[in-house]
PDB file of N, CA and C in Angstrom:
ATOM      1  N   MET A   1      38.875   9.703   7.498  1.00  0.00           N
ATOM      2  CA  MET A   1      38.306  10.952   8.308  1.00  0.00           C
ATOM      3  C   MET A   1      36.589  10.411   7.180  1.00  0.00           C
ATOM      4  N   GLY A   2      36.338  10.476   5.305  1.00  0.00           N
ATOM      5  CA  GLY A   2      35.916  10.372   4.758  1.00  0.00           C
ATOM      6  C   GLY A   2      35.105   8.707   5.251  1.00  0.00           C
ATOM      7  N   GLN A   3      36.243   8.072   5.243  1.00  0.00           N
ATOM      8  CA  GLN A   3      35.219   6.639   5.923  1.00  0.00           C
ATOM      9  C   GLN A   3      34.479   6.799   7.484  1.00  0.00           C
ATOM     10  N   GLN A   4      35.131   7.318   8.544  1.00  0.00           N
ATOM     11  CA  GLN A   4      34.284   7.945   9.990  1.00  0.00           C
ATOM     12  C   GLN A   4      32.360   8.482   9.078  1.00  0.00           C
ATOM     13  N   LEU A   5      33.011   9.151   8.305  1.00  0.00           N
ATOM     14  CA  LEU A   5      31.555  10.610   7.591  1.00  0.00           C
ATOM     15  C   LEU A   5      30.962   9.154   7.397  1.00  0.00           C
ATOM     16  N   PHE A   6      31.228   8.327   6.070  1.00  0.00           N
ATOM     17  CA  PHE A   6      30.246   6.939   5.749  1.00  0.00           C
ATOM     18  C   PHE A   6      29.779   6.504   6.973  1.00  0.00           C
ATOM     19  N   TRP A   7      30.408   6.026   8.291  1.00  0.00           N
ATOM     20  CA  TRP A   7      29.998   5.045   9.099  1.00  0.00           C
ATOM     21  C   TRP A   7      28.753   6.193   9.939  1.00  0.00           C
ATOM     22  N   ILE A   8      29.558   6.865  10.606  1.00  0.00           N
ATOM     23  CA  ILE A   8      28.757   7.557  10.862  1.00  0.00           C
ATOM     24  C   ILE A   8      27.296   7.660  10.356  1.00  0.00           C
ATOM     25  N   GLY A   9      27.153   8.471   9.004  1.00  0.00           N
ATOM     26  CA  GLY A   9      25.803   8.856   8.413  1.00  0.00           C
ATOM     27  C   GLY A   9      25.124   7.270   8.005  1.00  0.00           C
ATOM     28  N   VAL A  10      25.498   6.401   7.872  1.00  0.00           N
ATOM     29  CA  VAL A  10      24.054   5.208   7.709  1.00  0.00           C
ATOM     30  C   VAL A  10      24.331   5.155   9.282  1.00  0.00           C
ATOM     31  N   GLY A  11      24.852   5.109  10.511  1.00  0.00           N
ATOM     32  CA  GLY A  11      24.904   5.067  11.956  1.00  0.00           C
ATOM     33  C   GLY A  11      23.767   5.372  11.807  1.00  0.00           C
ATOM     34  N   GLY A  12      23.604   7.314  11.721  1.00  0.00           N
ATOM     35  CA  GLY A  12      22.269   8.647  11.634  1.00  0.00           C
ATOM     36  C   GLY A  12      20.985   7.598  11.133  1.00  0.00           C
ATOM     37  N   GLY A  13      21.149   7.345   9.822  1.00  0.00           N
ATOM     38  CA  GLY A  13      19.966   6.971   9.099  1.00  0.00           C
ATOM     39  C   GLY A  13      19.921   5.675  10.259  1.00  0.00           C
ATOM     40  N   LEU A  14      19.819   4.935  10.700  1.00  0.00           N
ATOM     41  CA  LEU A  14      19.447   3.854  11.011  1.00  0.00           C
ATOM     42  C   LEU A  14      18.908   4.470  12.759  1.00  0.00           C
ATOM     43  N   GLY A  15      19.333   4.601  13.782  1.00  0.00           N
ATOM     44  CA  GLY A  15      18.739   5.391  14.279  1.00  0.00           C
ATOM     45  C   GLY A  15      17.324   6.609  13.932  1.00  0.00           C
ATOM     46  N   SER A  16      17.774   6.889  13.559  1.00  0.00           N
ATOM     47  CA  SER A  16      16.344   7.157  13.189  1.00  0.00           C
ATOM     48  C   SER A  16      15.262   6.828  12.670  1.00  0.00           C
ATOM     49  N   ILE A  17      15.784   6.262  11.563  1.00  0.00           N
ATOM     50  CA  ILE A  17      14.122   5.393  11.514  1.00  0.00           C
ATOM     51  C   ILE A  17      13.915   4.645  12.605  1.00  0.00           C
ATOM     52  N   CYS A  18      14.736   4.088  13.687  1.00  0.00           N
ATOM     53  CA  CYS A  18      14.431   3.284  14.660  1.00  0.00           C
ATOM     54  C   CYS A  18      14.180   4.149  15.780  1.00  0.00           C
ATOM     55  N   ARG A  19      14.178   5.562  16.126  1.00  0.00           N
ATOM     56  CA  ARG A  19      13.489   6.542  16.808  1.00  0.00           C
ATOM     57  C   ARG A  19      11.744   6.391  15.700  1.00  0.00           C
ATOM     58  N   TYR A  20      11.280   6.633  14.717  1.00  0.00           N
ATOM     59  CA  TYR A  20      10.104   6.498  14.134  1.00  0.00           C
ATOM     60  C   TYR A  20       9.682   5.493  14.460  1.00  0.00           C
ATOM     61  N   LEU A  21       9.979   3.976  14.767  1.00  0.00           N
ATOM     62  CA  LEU A  21       9.582   3.224  14.482  1.00  0.00           C
ATOM     63  C   LEU A  21       9.589   3.479  16.106  1.00  0.00           C
ATOM     64  N   LEU A  22       9.986   4.562  17.085  1.00  0.00           N
ATOM     65  CA  LEU A  22       9.570   3.607  18.643  1.00  0.00           C
ATOM     66  C   LEU A  22       8.415   4.653  18.272  1.00  0.00           C
ATOM     67  N   HIS A  23       7.922   5.916  17.870  1.00  0.00           N
ATOM     68  CA  HIS A  23       7.179   7.090  17.620  1.00  0.00           C
ATOM     69  C   HIS A  23       6.738   5.960  17.633  1.00  0.00           C
ATOM     70  N   VAL A  24       6.279   4.896  16.293  1.00  0.00           N
ATOM     71  CA  VAL A  24       4.865   4.564  15.418  1.00  0.00           C
ATOM     72  C   VAL A  24       4.409   3.151  16.457  1.00  0.00           C
ATOM     73  N   LEU A  25       5.568   2.949  17.042  1.00  0.00           N
ATOM     74  CA  LEU A  25       4.869   2.020  18.204  1.00  0.00           C
ATOM     75  C   LEU A  25       3.762   2.572  19.579  1.00  0.00           C
ATOM     76  N   PHE A  26       4.926   3.912  19.887  1.00  0.00           N
ATOM     77  CA  PHE A  26       3.533   4.443  21.173  1.00  0.00           C
ATOM     78  C   PHE A  26       2.350   4.462  20.643  1.00  0.00           C
ATOM     79  N   VAL A  27       2.703   5.431  18.963  1.00  0.00           N
ATOM     80  CA  VAL A  27       0.931   5.699  18.628  1.00  0.00           C
ATOM     81  C   VAL A  27       0.396   4.226  18.393  1.00  0.00           C
ATOM     82  N   ARG A  28      -0.050   3.054  18.251  1.00  0.00           N
ATOM     83  CA  ARG A  28      -0.476   2.479  17.797  1.00  0.00           C
ATOM     84  C   ARG A  28      -0.700   1.907  19.588  1.00  0.00           C
ATOM     85  N   LEU A  29       0.290   1.378  20.167  1.00  0.00           N
ATOM     86  CA  LEU A  29      -0.143   1.739  21.492  1.00  0.00           C
ATOM     87  C   LEU A  29      -0.958   2.170  22.431  1.00  0.00           C
ATOM     88  N   LYS A  30      -1.384   3.403  22.142  1.00  0.00           N
ATOM     89  CA  LYS A  30      -1.765   4.765  22.386  1.00  0.00           C
ATOM     90  C   LYS A  30      -1.511   5.068  23.968  1.00  0.00           C
ATOM     91  N   TRP A  31       0.071   4.944  23.516  1.00  0.00           N
ATOM     92  CA  TRP A  31       0.437   4.944  24.791  1.00  0.00           C
ATOM     93  C   TRP A  31       1.911   7.032  24.861  1.00  0.00           C
ATOM     94  N   THR A  32       0.670   7.846  24.313  1.00  0.00           N
ATOM     95  CA  THR A  32       0.256   8.934  23.936  1.00  0.00           C
ATOM     96  C   THR A  32      -0.050   9.344  25.715  1.00  0.00           C
ATOM     97  N   GLY A  33      -0.046  11.172  25.568  1.00  0.00           N
ATOM     98  CA  GLY A  33      -0.487  11.496  26.914  1.00  0.00           C
ATOM     99  C   GLY A  33       0.225  13.537  26.783  1.00  0.00           C
ATOM    100  N   SER A  34       0.659  13.796  27.977  1.00  0.00           N
ATOM    101  CA  SER A  34      -0.119  15.510  28.028  1.00  0.00           C
ATOM    102  C   SER A  34       1.596  15.561  27.630  1.00  0.00           C
ATOM    103  N   LEU A  35       2.527  14.084  28.885  1.00  0.00           N
ATOM    104  CA  LEU A  35       3.986  14.290  28.327  1.00  0.00           C
ATOM    105  C   LEU A  35       4.028  13.184  26.561  1.00  0.00           C
ATOM    106  N   PRO A  36       5.671  14.504  26.010  1.00  0.00           N
ATOM    107  CA  PRO A  36       6.038  13.488  24.804  1.00  0.00           C
ATOM    108  C   PRO A  36       6.971  11.589  25.474  1.00  0.00           C
ATOM    109  N   TRP A  37       6.439  11.321  25.795  1.00  0.00           N
ATOM    110  CA  TRP A  37       6.797   9.544  26.366  1.00  0.00           C
ATOM    111  C   TRP A  37       7.470   9.034  25.124  1.00  0.00           C
ATOM    112  N   TYR A  38       7.644   8.785  24.215  1.00  0.00           N
ATOM    113  CA  TYR A  38       8.513   9.505  22.977  1.00  0.00           C
ATOM    114  C   TYR A  38      10.122   9.748  22.551  1.00  0.00           C
ATOM    115  N   THR A  39       9.304  10.526  22.831  1.00  0.00           N
ATOM    116  CA  THR A  39      10.280  10.952  23.089  1.00  0.00           C
ATOM    117  C   THR A  39      11.912  10.901  24.636  1.00  0.00           C
ATOM    118  N   ILE A  40      10.634  11.455  24.829  1.00  0.00           N
ATOM    119  CA  ILE A  40      11.635  10.465  26.415  1.00  0.00           C
ATOM    120  C   ILE A  40      12.545   9.721  26.753  1.00  0.00           C
ATOM    121  N   SER A  41      11.291   9.126  26.517  1.00  0.00           N
ATOM    122  CA  SER A  41      11.793   6.835  25.959  1.00  0.00           C
ATOM    123  C   SER A  41      12.685   6.991  25.104  1.00  0.00           C
ATOM    124  N   ALA A  42      12.660   7.110  24.120  1.00  0.00           N
ATOM    125  CA  ALA A  42      14.322   8.003  22.967  1.00  0.00           C
ATOM    126  C   ALA A  42      15.404   8.275  23.661  1.00  0.00           C
ATOM    127  N   ASN A  43      15.560   8.802  24.435  1.00  0.00           N
ATOM    128  CA  ASN A  43      16.317   9.328  25.051  1.00  0.00           C
ATOM    129  C   ASN A  43      17.296   9.174  25.737  1.00  0.00           C
ATOM    130  N   VAL A  44      16.189   8.216  26.828  1.00  0.00           N
ATOM    131  CA  VAL A  44      16.447   7.587  27.952  1.00  0.00           C
ATOM    132  C   VAL A  44      16.984   5.494  28.008  1.00  0.00           C
ATOM    133  N   ILE A  45      16.710   5.785  26.142  1.00  0.00           N
ATOM    134  CA  ILE A  45      16.914   3.991  25.600  1.00  0.00           C
ATOM    135  C   ILE A  45      18.614   4.566  24.972  1.00  0.00           C
ATOM    136  N   GLY A  46      18.582   5.474  24.430  1.00  0.00           N
ATOM    137  CA  GLY A  46      20.418   6.190  23.428  1.00  0.00           C
ATOM    138  C   GLY A  46      21.144   7.007  24.831  1.00  0.00           C
ATOM    139  N   CYS A  47      20.639   7.189  25.962  1.00  0.00           N
ATOM    140  CA  CYS A  47      21.537   6.755  26.949  1.00  0.00           C
ATOM    141  C   CYS A  47      22.117   5.799  26.798  1.00  0.00           C
ATOM    142  N   PHE A  48      21.334   5.230  27.483  1.00  0.00           N
ATOM    143  CA  PHE A  48      21.440   4.355  28.329  1.00  0.00           C
ATOM    144  C   PHE A  48      22.598   3.268  27.091  1.00  0.00           C
ATOM    145  N   LEU A  49      21.907   2.716  25.947  1.00  0.00           N
ATOM    146  CA  LEU A  49      22.957   2.896  25.018  1.00  0.00           C
ATOM    147  C   LEU A  49      24.483   3.437  24.803  1.00  0.00           C
ATOM    148  N   VAL A  50      24.455   4.525  25.032  1.00  0.00           N
ATOM    149  CA  VAL A  50      25.713   5.068  24.656  1.00  0.00           C
ATOM    150  C   VAL A  50      26.300   4.528  25.912  1.00  0.00           C
ATOM    151  N   GLY A  51      25.496   5.174  27.042  1.00  0.00           N
ATOM    152  CA  GLY A  51      26.970   3.533  28.351  1.00  0.00           C
ATOM    153  C   GLY A  51      27.045   3.042  27.845  1.00  0.00           C
ATOM    154  N   TRP A  52      26.347   2.414  27.852  1.00  0.00           N
ATOM    155  CA  TRP A  52      27.368   0.485  27.608  1.00  0.00           C
ATOM    156  C   TRP A  52      27.924   0.154  26.496  1.00  0.00           C
ATOM    157  N   LEU A  53      27.761   1.408  25.074  1.00  0.00           N
ATOM    158  CA  LEU A  53      28.538   1.260  24.706  1.00  0.00           C
ATOM    159  C   LEU A  53      29.741   1.725  24.659  1.00  0.00           C
ATOM    160  N   MET A  54      29.725   2.778  25.378  1.00  0.00           N
ATOM    161  CA  MET A  54      31.349   3.745  26.082  1.00  0.00           C
ATOM    162  C   MET A  54      31.794   2.424  27.207  1.00  0.00           C
ATOM    163  N   GLY A  55      31.474   2.436  28.107  1.00  0.00           N
ATOM    164  CA  GLY A  55      32.066   0.790  28.574  1.00  0.00           C
ATOM    165  C   GLY A  55      31.915  -0.224  27.991  1.00  0.00           C
ATOM    166  N   TYR A  56      31.779  -0.329  26.659  1.00  0.00           N
ATOM    167  CA  TYR A  56      32.497  -1.851  26.297  1.00  0.00           C
ATOM    168  C   TYR A  56      32.786  -1.101  25.892  1.00  0.00           C
ATOM    169  N   PHE A  57      33.577  -0.167  24.929  1.00  0.00           N
ATOM    170  CA  PHE A  57      34.878   0.228  23.939  1.00  0.00           C
ATOM    171  C   PHE A  57      35.586   0.605  24.442  1.00  0.00           C
ATOM    172  N   PHE A  58      35.795   0.662  26.267  1.00  0.00           N
ATOM    173  CA  PHE A  58      36.400   1.355  27.367  1.00  0.00           C
ATOM    174  C   PHE A  58      37.024   0.320  27.333  1.00  0.00           C
ATOM    175  N   LYS A  59      36.585  -1.201  27.783  1.00  0.00           N
ATOM    176  CA  LYS A  59      36.892  -2.469  27.974  1.00  0.00           C
ATOM    177  C   LYS A  59      37.425  -3.688  26.588  1.00  0.00           C
ATOM    178  N   ASN A  60      37.022  -2.843  25.561  1.00  0.00           N
ATOM    179  CA  ASN A  60      38.085  -3.489  24.538  1.00  0.00           C
ATOM    180  C   ASN A  60      38.924  -2.478  23.492  1.00  0.00           C
ATOM    181  N   GLN A  61      39.828  -1.756  24.167  1.00  0.00           N
ATOM    182  CA  GLN A  61      39.792  -1.211  23.380  1.00  0.00           C
ATOM    183  C   GLN A  61      40.641  -1.586  21.072  1.00  0.00           C
ATOM    184  N   GLN A  62      41.044  -2.813  21.786  1.00  0.00           N
ATOM    185  CA  GLN A  62      41.387  -2.610  20.662  1.00  0.00           C
ATOM    186  C   GLN A  62      40.450  -3.317  19.026  1.00  0.00           C
ATOM    187  N   LEU A  63      38.900  -2.739  19.411  1.00  0.00           N
ATOM    188  CA  LEU A  63      38.711  -2.923  18.351  1.00  0.00           C
ATOM    189  C   LEU A  63      38.367  -0.764  17.628  1.00  0.00           C
ATOM    190  N   ASP A  64      38.218  -2.283  16.354  1.00  0.00           N
ATOM    191  CA  ASP A  64      38.550  -0.904  14.958  1.00  0.00           C
ATOM    192  C   ASP A  64      37.323  -0.065  15.729  1.00  0.00           C
ATOM    193  N   SER A  65      37.422   1.415  15.289  1.00  0.00           N
ATOM    194  CA  SER A  65      37.217   2.347  15.805  1.00  0.00           C
ATOM    195  C   SER A  65      35.741   2.927  14.966  1.00  0.00           C
ATOM    196  N   SER A  66      35.692   2.059  13.655  1.00  0.00           N
ATOM    197  CA  SER A  66      34.935   3.144  13.206  1.00  0.00           C
ATOM    198  C   SER A  66      33.354   2.253  13.767  1.00  0.00           C
ATOM    199  N   LEU A  67      33.587   0.825  14.500  1.00  0.00           N
ATOM    200  CA  LEU A  67      32.145   0.636  15.179  1.00  0.00           C
ATOM    201  C   LEU A  67      32.139   1.494  15.914  1.00  0.00           C
ATOM    202  N   LYS A  68      32.166   1.876  16.392  1.00  0.00           N
ATOM    203  CA  LYS A  68      32.515   2.675  17.589  1.00  0.00           C
ATOM    204  C   LYS A  68      31.969   4.346  16.976  1.00  0.00           C
ATOM    205  N   PHE A  69      32.092   4.572  15.951  1.00  0.00           N
ATOM    206  CA  PHE A  69      31.127   5.746  15.198  1.00  0.00           C
ATOM    207  C   PHE A  69      30.166   5.256  14.837  1.00  0.00           C
ATOM    208  N   PHE A  70      29.486   4.225  14.171  1.00  0.00           N
ATOM    209  CA  PHE A  70      28.200   3.177  13.540  1.00  0.00           C
ATOM    210  C   PHE A  70      27.579   3.464  14.577  1.00  0.00           C
ATOM    211  N   LEU A  71      28.056   3.113  15.764  1.00  0.00           N
ATOM    212  CA  LEU A  71      27.494   2.334  16.821  1.00  0.00           C
ATOM    213  C   LEU A  71      26.770   3.989  17.831  1.00  0.00           C
ATOM    214  N   ILE A  72      27.692   4.372  18.274  1.00  0.00           N
ATOM    215  CA  ILE A  72      27.545   5.823  18.727  1.00  0.00           C
ATOM    216  C   ILE A  72      27.224   7.303  18.831  1.00  0.00           C
ATOM    217  N   ASN A  73      28.391   7.543  17.585  1.00  0.00           N
ATOM    218  CA  ASN A  73      28.185   9.220  17.405  1.00  0.00           C
ATOM    219  C   ASN A  73      27.021   9.622  15.677  1.00  0.00           C
ATOM    220  N   GLY A  74      27.328   7.560  15.787  1.00  0.00           N
ATOM    221  CA  GLY A  74      25.416   7.850  14.261  1.00  0.00           C
ATOM    222  C   GLY A  74      24.720   7.207  14.747  1.00  0.00           C
ATOM    223  N   PHE A  75      24.130   5.795  14.568  1.00  0.00           N
ATOM    224  CA  PHE A  75      23.104   5.541  15.954  1.00  0.00           C
ATOM    225  C   PHE A  75      22.542   6.350  16.668  1.00  0.00           C
ATOM    226  N   CYS A  76      23.251   5.434  17.447  1.00  0.00           N
ATOM    227  CA  CYS A  76      22.603   6.761  18.748  1.00  0.00           C
ATOM    228  C   CYS A  76      22.966   8.536  18.855  1.00  0.00           C
ATOM    229  N   GLY A  77      23.171   8.980  17.884  1.00  0.00           N
ATOM    230  CA  GLY A  77      22.773  10.515  17.399  1.00  0.00           C
ATOM    231  C   GLY A  77      21.487  10.880  16.827  1.00  0.00           C
ATOM    232  N   GLY A  78      21.717   9.121  15.632  1.00  0.00           N
ATOM    233  CA  GLY A  78      20.352   9.820  15.245  1.00  0.00           C
ATOM    234  C   GLY A  78      18.977   8.926  16.178  1.00  0.00           C
ATOM    235  N   PHE A  79      19.364   8.322  16.925  1.00  0.00           N
ATOM    236  CA  PHE A  79      18.512   8.035  17.536  1.00  0.00           C
ATOM    237  C   PHE A  79      17.986   8.723  18.642  1.00  0.00           C
ATOM    238  N   THR A  80      18.786   9.731  19.826  1.00  0.00           N
ATOM    239  CA  THR A  80      17.924   9.864  20.544  1.00  0.00           C
ATOM    240  C   THR A  80      17.465  11.292  19.765  1.00  0.00           C
ATOM    241  N   THR A  81      17.306  11.486  20.827  1.00  0.00           N
ATOM    242  CA  THR A  81      15.692  13.262  20.016  1.00  0.00           C
ATOM    243  C   THR A  81      16.070  15.083  20.854  1.00  0.00           C
ATOM    244  N   PHE A  82      17.408  15.457  20.987  1.00  0.00           N
ATOM    245  CA  PHE A  82      16.978  16.656  21.604  1.00  0.00           C
ATOM    246  C   PHE A  82      16.859  17.754  21.146  1.00  0.00           C
ATOM    247  N   SER A  83      16.767  17.165  19.779  1.00  0.00           N
ATOM    248  CA  SER A  83      16.333  18.767  19.423  1.00  0.00           C
ATOM    249  C   SER A  83      14.391  18.398  19.441  1.00  0.00           C
ATOM    250  N   ALA A  84      13.812  17.613  19.125  1.00  0.00           N
ATOM    251  CA  ALA A  84      12.353  17.180  19.683  1.00  0.00           C
ATOM    252  C   ALA A  84      11.740  17.217  21.511  1.00  0.00           C
ATOM    253  N   PHE A  85      13.140  17.083  22.336  1.00  0.00           N
ATOM    254  CA  PHE A  85      13.049  17.074  23.423  1.00  0.00           C
ATOM    255  C   PHE A  85      12.689  18.896  23.965  1.00  0.00           C
ATOM    256  N   SER A  86      13.918  19.601  22.897  1.00  0.00           N
ATOM    257  CA  SER A  86      13.558  21.184  23.758  1.00  0.00           C
ATOM    258  C   SER A  86      12.225  21.457  22.342  1.00  0.00           C
ATOM    259  N   TYR A  87      11.754  20.667  21.189  1.00  0.00           N
ATOM    260  CA  TYR A  87      10.648  21.421  20.594  1.00  0.00           C
ATOM    261  C   TYR A  87       9.597  21.668  21.568  1.00  0.00           C
ATOM    262  N   GLU A  88       9.738  20.424  22.090  1.00  0.00           N
ATOM    263  CA  GLU A  88       7.949  19.790  22.828  1.00  0.00           C
ATOM    264  C   GLU A  88       8.464  20.084  24.208  1.00  0.00           C
ATOM    265  N   SER A  89       9.462  21.029  24.660  1.00  0.00           N
ATOM    266  CA  SER A  89       9.145  21.258  25.773  1.00  0.00           C
ATOM    267  C   SER A  89       9.472  22.778  25.997  1.00  0.00           C
ATOM    268  N   VAL A  90       9.821  23.690  25.291  1.00  0.00           N
ATOM    269  CA  VAL A  90       9.251  24.654  24.342  1.00  0.00           C
ATOM    270  C   VAL A  90       7.543  24.803  24.300  1.00  0.00           C
ATOM    271  N   SER A  91       7.579  23.816  23.729  1.00  0.00           N
ATOM    272  CA  SER A  91       5.882  23.985  22.573  1.00  0.00           C
ATOM    273  C   SER A  91       5.008  23.529  24.646  1.00  0.00           C
ATOM    274  N   LEU A  92       5.613  22.949  24.637  1.00  0.00           N
ATOM    275  CA  LEU A  92       4.822  22.999  26.217  1.00  0.00           C
ATOM    276  C   LEU A  92       4.419  23.596  27.471  1.00  0.00           C
ATOM    277  N   TYR A  93       5.959  24.869  27.142  1.00  0.00           N
ATOM    278  CA  TYR A  93       6.485  25.981  28.050  1.00  0.00           C
ATOM    279  C   TYR A  93       5.410  27.210  27.527  1.00  0.00           C
ATOM    280  N   SER A  94       5.367  27.573  26.313  1.00  0.00           N
ATOM    281  CA  SER A  94       4.501  28.149  25.618  1.00  0.00           C
ATOM    282  C   SER A  94       2.475  28.150  25.835  1.00  0.00           C
ATOM    283  N   GLN A  95       2.550  26.664  26.267  1.00  0.00           N
ATOM    284  CA  GLN A  95       1.365  26.333  27.141  1.00  0.00           C
ATOM    285  C   GLN A  95       1.059  26.541  27.787  1.00  0.00           C
ATOM    286  N   GLN A  96       1.642  27.663  28.892  1.00  0.00           N
ATOM    287  CA  GLN A  96       1.898  27.590  30.225  1.00  0.00           C
ATOM    288  C   GLN A  96       1.457  26.414  30.677  1.00  0.00           C
ATOM    289  N   SER A  97       2.164  25.874  30.861  1.00  0.00           N
ATOM    290  CA  SER A  97       1.625  23.659  31.490  1.00  0.00           C
ATOM    291  C   SER A  97       2.619  23.553  32.106  1.00  0.00           C
ATOM    292  N   TYR A  98       2.453  22.523  33.411  1.00  0.00           N
ATOM    293  CA  TYR A  98       3.559  22.844  34.253  1.00  0.00           C
ATOM    294  C   TYR A  98       4.367  21.551  34.340  1.00  0.00           C
ATOM    295  N   THR A  99       4.083  20.652  32.783  1.00  0.00           N
ATOM    296  CA  THR A  99       4.053  19.726  32.105  1.00  0.00           C
ATOM    297  C   THR A  99       5.209  20.034  31.240  1.00  0.00           C
ATOM    298  N   ALA A 100       6.101  21.268  31.466  1.00  0.00           N
ATOM    299  CA  ALA A 100       7.173  21.633  30.689  1.00  0.00           C
ATOM    300  C   ALA A 100       8.551  21.411  31.374  1.00  0.00           C
ATOM    301  N   TYR A 101       7.937  21.525  33.471  1.00  0.00           N
ATOM    302  CA  TYR A 101       9.239  21.257  33.835  1.00  0.00           C
ATOM    303  C   TYR A 101       9.719  19.911  33.738  1.00  0.00           C
ATOM    304  N   LEU A 102       8.883  19.264  33.558  1.00  0.00           N
ATOM    305  CA  LEU A 102       8.325  18.114  34.419  1.00  0.00           C
ATOM    306  C   LEU A 102       9.899  17.000  33.246  1.00  0.00           C
ATOM    307  N   ASN A 103       8.546  17.695  32.031  1.00  0.00           N
ATOM    308  CA  ASN A 103       9.409  16.960  30.493  1.00  0.00           C
ATOM    309  C   ASN A 103      11.243  17.179  30.333  1.00  0.00           C
ATOM    310  N   VAL A 104      11.705  18.386  31.073  1.00  0.00           N
ATOM    311  CA  VAL A 104      12.837  18.499  31.664  1.00  0.00           C
ATOM    312  C   VAL A 104      13.694  17.561  32.403  1.00  0.00           C
ATOM    313  N   ILE A 105      12.758  17.490  33.307  1.00  0.00           N
ATOM    314  CA  ILE A 105      12.927  17.590  34.856  1.00  0.00           C
ATOM    315  C   ILE A 105      13.616  15.547  34.689  1.00  0.00           C
ATOM    316  N   ILE A 106      12.696  14.862  34.108  1.00  0.00           N
ATOM    317  CA  ILE A 106      12.901  13.865  33.751  1.00  0.00           C
ATOM    318  C   ILE A 106      13.311  13.059  32.561  1.00  0.00           C
ATOM    319  N   THR A 107      13.203  14.131  31.475  1.00  0.00           N
ATOM    320  CA  THR A 107      14.227  13.918  30.224  1.00  0.00           C
ATOM    321  C   THR A 107      15.868  13.588  30.641  1.00  0.00           C
ATOM    322  N   PHE A 108      16.676  14.434  32.136  1.00  0.00           N
ATOM    323  CA  PHE A 108      17.432  14.547  32.163  1.00  0.00           C
ATOM    324  C   PHE A 108      18.080  13.366  33.320  1.00  0.00           C
ATOM    325  N   VAL A 109      17.261  13.659  34.428  1.00  0.00           N
ATOM    326  CA  VAL A 109      17.460  12.854  35.058  1.00  0.00           C
ATOM    327  C   VAL A 109      17.841  11.211  34.635  1.00  0.00           C
ATOM    328  N   PHE A 110      15.971  11.090  34.056  1.00  0.00           N
ATOM    329  CA  PHE A 110      16.411   9.216  33.888  1.00  0.00           C
ATOM    330  C   PHE A 110      17.665   9.544  32.396  1.00  0.00           C
ATOM    331  N   SER A 111      18.136   9.970  31.740  1.00  0.00           N
ATOM    332  CA  SER A 111      18.975  10.386  30.486  1.00  0.00           C
ATOM    333  C   SER A 111      20.507  10.399  31.698  1.00  0.00           C
ATOM    334  N   ILE A 112      20.790  10.705  32.260  1.00  0.00           N
ATOM    335  CA  ILE A 112      21.883  10.665  32.996  1.00  0.00           C
ATOM    336  C   ILE A 112      22.091   9.387  33.469  1.00  0.00           C
ATOM    337  N   ALA A 113      20.721   8.718  33.718  1.00  0.00           N
ATOM    338  CA  ALA A 113      20.685   7.512  34.658  1.00  0.00           C
ATOM    339  C   ALA A 113      20.934   6.922  34.422  1.00  0.00           C
ATOM    340  N   ALA A 114      20.361   6.588  32.806  1.00  0.00           N
ATOM    341  CA  ALA A 114      20.753   5.627  32.145  1.00  0.00           C
ATOM    342  C   ALA A 114      22.151   5.012  31.588  1.00  0.00           C
ATOM    343  N   THR A 115      22.900   6.258  31.227  1.00  0.00           N
ATOM    344  CA  THR A 115      23.765   6.764  31.199  1.00  0.00           C
ATOM    345  C   THR A 115      24.971   5.495  31.644  1.00  0.00           C
ATOM    346  N   LYS A 116      24.866   6.186  33.103  1.00  0.00           N
ATOM    347  CA  LYS A 116      25.529   5.430  34.196  1.00  0.00           C
ATOM    348  C   LYS A 116      25.235   4.298  34.415  1.00  0.00           C
ATOM    349  N   MET A 117      24.080   4.086  34.652  1.00  0.00           N
ATOM    350  CA  MET A 117      23.281   2.355  34.553  1.00  0.00           C
ATOM    351  C   MET A 117      24.524   1.478  33.614  1.00  0.00           C
ATOM    352  N   GLY A 118      23.629   2.075  31.708  1.00  0.00           N
ATOM    353  CA  GLY A 118      23.835   1.090  31.075  1.00  0.00           C
ATOM    354  C   GLY A 118      26.386   1.281  30.839  1.00  0.00           C
ATOM    355  N   TRP A 119      26.888   2.278  31.220  1.00  0.00           N
ATOM    356  CA  TRP A 119      28.302   1.834  31.637  1.00  0.00           C
ATOM    357  C   TRP A 119      28.400   0.893  32.803  1.00  0.00           C
ATOM    358  N   GLY A 120      27.977   1.504  33.501  1.00  0.00           N
ATOM    359  CA  GLY A 120      28.253   0.423  34.876  1.00  0.00           C
ATOM    360  C   GLY A 120      28.383  -1.522  35.111  1.00  0.00           C
ATOM    361  N   ILE A 121      27.682  -1.305  33.513  1.00  0.00           N
ATOM    362  CA  ILE A 121      26.920  -2.967  33.690  1.00  0.00           C
ATOM    363  C   ILE A 121      28.418  -3.487  33.212  1.00  0.00           C
ATOM    364  N   TRP A 122      29.894  -2.470  32.653  1.00  0.00           N
ATOM    365  CA  TRP A 122      31.100  -2.719  32.349  1.00  0.00           C
ATOM    366  C   TRP A 122      32.482  -2.771  34.157  1.00  0.00           C
ATOM    367  N   GLU A 123      32.471  -2.064  34.470  1.00  0.00           N
ATOM    368  CA  GLU A 123      32.484  -2.013  35.651  1.00  0.00           C
ATOM    369  C   GLU A 123      32.603  -2.625  36.670  1.00  0.00           C
TER     370      GLU A 123
END
């Protein structure tokens, strides 16, 4: 279990760094607006990766489980931003903004679709 925690921690750190760099990219390209597009993007990209990796590991069950912990639990867990999504949704809602609902719908629909698309590559 110690080795699993190590790989999850390393992957989570790298995923968090990548999420921050995605945020920097969105700010530099001025891709900002009334919706938190960087968070939505991180969640959809992360869900696609989770689906793709789940399909890959399902097809290749003989692979080392450390890689699975590193990539799925660690990297994707650090890269996706459910806590940021929750905070931003509540913040938008407290401003009595309809975009809170739009944020929730877009994030859930596109994240679930991206997971299915990622998995579907291996079907």
